[in-house]
Amino acid sequence: MRFMNEWDRERACRRFSQGATPNRLYLAETVERLAQWTDRNSDGWAYWGKPVRAAGRAIELIDSTTYEANQAQERTDATEAEVKAALRPIKSFLTRHGIDHEEVIV
């Protein structure tokens, strides 16, 4: 399971805010909002595995560990199908816990 700490999430939002990858930016912002919601409503993002697992597909599309991977992600945006697939488990998590999607997914 991949995990993005606060610095990783902020960095992803900055990386994709340049305008060339709006779908990746949307996913980065969604993961950030989910992490913030989790921090407000539990022991925290680092300790509650369910929301992190729900965001797993989104994290795969926005997290990278090498310069080459960063460059590839910043040149090529995620497809609409990839975004929908990444949001599906997040929405399921929110629904199962009775959380309004608009709190997290804008």
N, C-alpha and C. Protein backbone atom coordinates (compact mmCIF):
# COMPACT_ATOMS: atom_id res chain seq x y z
N MET A 1 0.85 -1.18 0.00
CA MET A 1 0.00 0.00 0.00
C MET A 1 0.90 1.24 0.00
N ARG A 2 0.67 2.10 -0.95
CA ARG A 2 1.39 3.37 -0.99
C ARG A 2 0.78 4.33 0.01
N PHE A 3 1.61 5.20 0.51
CA PHE A 3 1.17 6.18 1.49
C PHE A 3 1.79 7.52 1.11
N MET A 4 1.01 8.56 1.15
CA MET A 4 1.54 9.91 0.89
C MET A 4 1.41 10.73 2.16
N ASN A 5 2.54 11.19 2.68
CA ASN A 5 2.48 12.06 3.84
C ASN A 5 2.12 13.48 3.40
N GLU A 6 2.04 14.38 4.35
CA GLU A 6 1.61 15.75 4.04
C GLU A 6 2.51 16.42 3.01
N TRP A 7 3.82 16.26 3.16
CA TRP A 7 4.77 16.86 2.23
C TRP A 7 4.57 16.30 0.82
N ASP A 8 4.39 14.98 0.71
CA ASP A 8 4.17 14.34 -0.60
C ASP A 8 2.91 14.88 -1.27
N ARG A 9 1.84 15.03 -0.49
CA ARG A 9 0.57 15.51 -1.05
C ARG A 9 0.69 16.96 -1.51
N GLU A 10 1.31 17.80 -0.69
CA GLU A 10 1.49 19.20 -1.07
C GLU A 10 2.36 19.32 -2.32
N ARG A 11 3.39 18.51 -2.38
CA ARG A 11 4.29 18.52 -3.54
C ARG A 11 3.54 18.10 -4.80
N ALA A 12 2.69 17.08 -4.70
CA ALA A 12 1.90 16.64 -5.86
C ALA A 12 0.98 17.76 -6.33
N CYS A 13 0.34 18.45 -5.40
CA CYS A 13 -0.55 19.56 -5.79
C CYS A 13 0.25 20.66 -6.49
N ARG A 14 1.43 20.96 -6.00
CA ARG A 14 2.27 21.98 -6.66
C ARG A 14 2.73 21.51 -8.04
N ARG A 15 3.16 20.26 -8.14
CA ARG A 15 3.66 19.73 -9.42
C ARG A 15 2.61 19.81 -10.51
N PHE A 16 1.38 19.49 -10.17
CA PHE A 16 0.34 19.41 -11.19
C PHE A 16 -0.44 20.71 -11.36
N SER A 17 -0.11 21.73 -10.60
CA SER A 17 -0.83 23.00 -10.70
C SER A 17 -0.34 23.88 -11.85
N GLN A 18 0.59 23.39 -12.63
CA GLN A 18 1.15 24.17 -13.74
C GLN A 18 0.17 24.27 -14.92
N GLY A 19 -0.89 23.49 -14.92
CA GLY A 19 -1.92 23.63 -15.93
C GLY A 19 -1.92 22.58 -17.03
N ALA A 20 -0.86 21.80 -17.18
CA ALA A 20 -0.78 20.81 -18.26
C ALA A 20 -1.46 19.49 -17.90
N THR A 21 -1.74 19.28 -16.63
CA THR A 21 -2.30 18.00 -16.19
C THR A 21 -3.46 18.22 -15.22
N PRO A 22 -4.58 18.74 -15.71
CA PRO A 22 -5.70 19.04 -14.80
C PRO A 22 -6.29 17.80 -14.12
N ASN A 23 -6.29 16.65 -14.78
CA ASN A 23 -6.84 15.44 -14.16
C ASN A 23 -5.96 14.99 -12.99
N ARG A 24 -4.66 15.04 -13.16
CA ARG A 24 -3.76 14.67 -12.05
C ARG A 24 -3.88 15.68 -10.91
N LEU A 25 -4.03 16.95 -11.24
CA LEU A 25 -4.23 17.96 -10.20
C LEU A 25 -5.52 17.68 -9.43
N TYR A 26 -6.58 17.36 -10.13
CA TYR A 26 -7.86 17.04 -9.49
C TYR A 26 -7.69 15.88 -8.52
N LEU A 27 -6.98 14.83 -8.95
CA LEU A 27 -6.76 13.68 -8.07
C LEU A 27 -5.89 14.06 -6.88
N ALA A 28 -4.86 14.86 -7.11
CA ALA A 28 -3.99 15.29 -6.00
C ALA A 28 -4.78 16.09 -4.97
N GLU A 29 -5.64 16.97 -5.45
CA GLU A 29 -6.45 17.77 -4.54
C GLU A 29 -7.47 16.91 -3.81
N THR A 30 -8.01 15.91 -4.48
CA THR A 30 -8.97 15.00 -3.85
C THR A 30 -8.30 14.19 -2.75
N VAL A 31 -7.11 13.67 -3.03
CA VAL A 31 -6.37 12.92 -2.01
C VAL A 31 -6.05 13.83 -0.83
N GLU A 32 -5.67 15.06 -1.10
CA GLU A 32 -5.38 16.01 -0.02
C GLU A 32 -6.62 16.28 0.82
N ARG A 33 -7.77 16.49 0.18
CA ARG A 33 -9.01 16.74 0.94
C ARG A 33 -9.41 15.50 1.75
N LEU A 34 -9.24 14.31 1.17
CA LEU A 34 -9.55 13.08 1.90
C LEU A 34 -8.63 12.94 3.11
N ALA A 35 -7.36 13.24 2.96
CA ALA A 35 -6.42 13.17 4.08
C ALA A 35 -6.80 14.18 5.16
N GLN A 36 -7.16 15.38 4.76
CA GLN A 36 -7.56 16.39 5.73
C GLN A 36 -8.82 15.97 6.48
N TRP A 37 -9.80 15.42 5.73
CA TRP A 37 -11.02 14.93 6.38
C TRP A 37 -10.66 13.82 7.37
N THR A 38 -9.80 12.91 6.95
CA THR A 38 -9.39 11.80 7.81
C THR A 38 -8.71 12.32 9.08
N ASP A 39 -7.85 13.30 8.93
CA ASP A 39 -7.17 13.88 10.10
C ASP A 39 -8.16 14.51 11.08
N ARG A 40 -9.21 15.12 10.54
CA ARG A 40 -10.22 15.77 11.40
C ARG A 40 -11.15 14.77 12.08
N ASN A 41 -11.32 13.59 11.49
CA ASN A 41 -12.35 12.67 11.96
C ASN A 41 -11.84 11.33 12.47
N SER A 42 -10.56 11.23 12.72
CA SER A 42 -10.01 9.97 13.22
C SER A 42 -8.67 10.24 13.88
N ASP A 43 -7.94 9.17 14.14
CA ASP A 43 -6.58 9.32 14.68
C ASP A 43 -5.64 9.93 13.66
N GLY A 44 -6.06 9.93 12.40
CA GLY A 44 -5.26 10.58 11.36
C GLY A 44 -5.00 9.70 10.16
N TRP A 45 -4.63 10.36 9.09
CA TRP A 45 -4.34 9.73 7.79
C TRP A 45 -3.30 8.62 7.94
N ALA A 46 -2.31 8.84 8.77
CA ALA A 46 -1.23 7.86 8.92
C ALA A 46 -1.66 6.62 9.68
N TYR A 47 -2.78 6.69 10.38
CA TYR A 47 -3.17 5.60 11.26
C TYR A 47 -4.42 4.84 10.84
N TRP A 48 -5.23 5.42 9.97
CA TRP A 48 -6.46 4.75 9.54
C TRP A 48 -6.26 4.30 8.10
N GLY A 49 -6.08 3.01 7.92
CA GLY A 49 -5.74 2.46 6.62
C GLY A 49 -6.85 2.50 5.58
N LYS A 50 -8.10 2.50 6.00
CA LYS A 50 -9.20 2.44 5.03
C LYS A 50 -9.20 3.60 4.03
N PRO A 51 -9.12 4.85 4.46
CA PRO A 51 -9.11 5.92 3.47
C PRO A 51 -7.85 5.91 2.61
N VAL A 52 -6.74 5.51 3.17
CA VAL A 52 -5.50 5.43 2.39
C VAL A 52 -5.64 4.36 1.31
N ARG A 53 -6.20 3.21 1.67
CA ARG A 53 -6.43 2.15 0.68
C ARG A 53 -7.43 2.59 -0.38
N ALA A 54 -8.46 3.32 0.04
CA ALA A 54 -9.45 3.81 -0.92
C ALA A 54 -8.81 4.76 -1.93
N ALA A 55 -7.83 5.50 -1.50
CA ALA A 55 -7.14 6.46 -2.37
C ALA A 55 -5.99 5.82 -3.15
N GLY A 56 -5.80 4.53 -3.01
CA GLY A 56 -4.66 3.85 -3.62
C GLY A 56 -4.49 4.08 -5.11
N ARG A 57 -5.58 3.95 -5.87
CA ARG A 57 -5.48 4.17 -7.32
C ARG A 57 -5.11 5.61 -7.65
N ALA A 58 -5.69 6.54 -6.92
CA ALA A 58 -5.36 7.95 -7.15
C ALA A 58 -3.90 8.21 -6.80
N ILE A 59 -3.45 7.65 -5.71
CA ILE A 59 -2.06 7.83 -5.30
C ILE A 59 -1.11 7.29 -6.36
N GLU A 60 -1.44 6.15 -6.95
CA GLU A 60 -0.60 5.60 -8.01
C GLU A 60 -0.45 6.56 -9.19
N LEU A 61 -1.48 7.37 -9.44
CA LEU A 61 -1.45 8.30 -10.57
C LEU A 61 -0.76 9.62 -10.25
N ILE A 62 -0.53 9.91 -8.98
CA ILE A 62 0.05 11.21 -8.64
C ILE A 62 1.36 11.13 -7.89
N ASP A 63 1.70 9.97 -7.35
CA ASP A 63 2.92 9.84 -6.57
C ASP A 63 4.03 9.26 -7.44
N SER A 64 5.24 9.75 -7.24
CA SER A 64 6.38 9.18 -7.94
C SER A 64 7.62 9.37 -7.08
N THR A 65 8.63 8.59 -7.38
CA THR A 65 9.84 8.65 -6.56
C THR A 65 11.09 9.00 -7.35
N THR A 66 10.96 9.13 -8.66
CA THR A 66 12.14 9.45 -9.46
C THR A 66 11.88 10.68 -10.33
N TYR A 67 12.94 11.30 -10.75
CA TYR A 67 12.85 12.46 -11.64
C TYR A 67 12.16 12.08 -12.95
N GLU A 68 12.53 10.93 -13.51
CA GLU A 68 11.94 10.49 -14.77
C GLU A 68 10.44 10.27 -14.64
N ALA A 69 10.03 9.66 -13.54
CA ALA A 69 8.60 9.44 -13.31
C ALA A 69 7.86 10.77 -13.14
N ASN A 70 8.48 11.69 -12.44
CA ASN A 70 7.89 13.03 -12.28
C ASN A 70 7.67 13.67 -13.65
N GLN A 71 8.70 13.64 -14.47
CA GLN A 71 8.61 14.26 -15.79
C GLN A 71 7.53 13.60 -16.64
N ALA A 72 7.45 12.29 -16.61
CA ALA A 72 6.43 11.58 -17.38
C ALA A 72 5.03 11.96 -16.91
N GLN A 73 4.82 12.03 -15.61
CA GLN A 73 3.51 12.40 -15.08
C GLN A 73 3.16 13.85 -15.43
N GLU A 74 4.14 14.72 -15.42
CA GLU A 74 3.88 16.13 -15.70
C GLU A 74 3.68 16.40 -17.18
N ARG A 75 4.13 15.50 -18.04
CA ARG A 75 3.92 15.64 -19.49
C ARG A 75 2.60 15.01 -19.95
N THR A 76 2.21 13.93 -19.30
CA THR A 76 1.05 13.16 -19.74
C THR A 76 0.00 13.13 -18.64
N ASP A 77 -1.17 13.64 -18.94
CA ASP A 77 -2.24 13.67 -17.95
C ASP A 77 -2.91 12.31 -17.84
N ALA A 78 -3.55 12.06 -16.72
CA ALA A 78 -4.36 10.86 -16.54
C ALA A 78 -5.61 10.98 -17.42
N THR A 79 -6.09 9.86 -17.90
CA THR A 79 -7.28 9.86 -18.74
C THR A 79 -8.53 9.98 -17.87
N GLU A 80 -9.64 10.32 -18.52
CA GLU A 80 -10.92 10.39 -17.80
C GLU A 80 -11.27 9.04 -17.19
N ALA A 81 -11.00 7.96 -17.92
CA ALA A 81 -11.28 6.62 -17.41
C ALA A 81 -10.43 6.31 -16.17
N GLU A 82 -9.17 6.72 -16.18
CA GLU A 82 -8.31 6.50 -15.01
C GLU A 82 -8.81 7.30 -13.81
N VAL A 83 -9.27 8.51 -14.06
CA VAL A 83 -9.79 9.35 -12.97
C VAL A 83 -11.04 8.70 -12.38
N LYS A 84 -11.95 8.27 -13.24
CA LYS A 84 -13.18 7.61 -12.74
C LYS A 84 -12.85 6.37 -11.94
N ALA A 85 -11.91 5.57 -12.44
CA ALA A 85 -11.52 4.35 -11.73
C ALA A 85 -10.87 4.68 -10.39
N ALA A 86 -10.10 5.76 -10.32
CA ALA A 86 -9.44 6.16 -9.08
C ALA A 86 -10.44 6.71 -8.06
N LEU A 87 -11.48 7.37 -8.55
CA LEU A 87 -12.48 7.95 -7.64
C LEU A 87 -13.47 6.92 -7.10
N ARG A 88 -13.68 5.85 -7.85
CA ARG A 88 -14.69 4.85 -7.46
C ARG A 88 -14.47 4.32 -6.03
N PRO A 89 -13.26 3.86 -5.66
CA PRO A 89 -13.10 3.36 -4.28
C PRO A 89 -13.19 4.46 -3.23
N ILE A 90 -12.82 5.66 -3.58
CA ILE A 90 -12.95 6.78 -2.63
C ILE A 90 -14.43 7.05 -2.37
N LYS A 91 -15.22 7.08 -3.44
CA LYS A 91 -16.66 7.30 -3.27
C LYS A 91 -17.29 6.16 -2.48
N SER A 92 -16.87 4.94 -2.73
CA SER A 92 -17.40 3.80 -1.98
C SER A 92 -17.07 3.92 -0.50
N PHE A 93 -15.85 4.30 -0.20
CA PHE A 93 -15.45 4.50 1.19
C PHE A 93 -16.34 5.56 1.85
N LEU A 94 -16.51 6.68 1.17
CA LEU A 94 -17.32 7.76 1.72
C LEU A 94 -18.77 7.32 1.94
N THR A 95 -19.32 6.62 0.97
CA THR A 95 -20.70 6.13 1.08
C THR A 95 -20.84 5.17 2.25
N ARG A 96 -19.92 4.22 2.38
CA ARG A 96 -19.99 3.23 3.47
C ARG A 96 -19.93 3.90 4.84
N HIS A 97 -19.29 5.04 4.93
CA HIS A 97 -19.16 5.72 6.22
C HIS A 97 -20.13 6.90 6.37
N GLY A 98 -21.08 7.01 5.44
CA GLY A 98 -22.12 8.02 5.55
C GLY A 98 -21.61 9.44 5.41
N ILE A 99 -20.58 9.62 4.60
CA ILE A 99 -19.97 10.94 4.43
C ILE A 99 -20.44 11.54 3.10
N ASP A 100 -20.87 12.77 3.14
CA ASP A 100 -21.28 13.47 1.92
C ASP A 100 -20.07 13.61 1.00
N HIS A 101 -20.20 13.15 -0.23
CA HIS A 101 -19.09 13.20 -1.19
C HIS A 101 -18.56 14.61 -1.40
N GLU A 102 -19.42 15.59 -1.30
CA GLU A 102 -19.01 16.98 -1.55
C GLU A 102 -18.05 17.50 -0.49
N GLU A 103 -17.96 16.82 0.64
CA GLU A 103 -16.97 17.20 1.67
C GLU A 103 -15.57 16.93 1.17
N VAL A 104 -15.42 15.93 0.29
CA VAL A 104 -14.11 15.48 -0.13
C VAL A 104 -13.91 15.65 -1.63
N ILE A 105 -14.89 15.27 -2.42
CA ILE A 105 -14.76 15.31 -3.88
C ILE A 105 -15.54 16.50 -4.40
N VAL A 106 -14.83 17.42 -5.01
CA VAL A 106 -15.47 18.62 -5.52
C VAL A 106 -15.64 18.51 -7.02
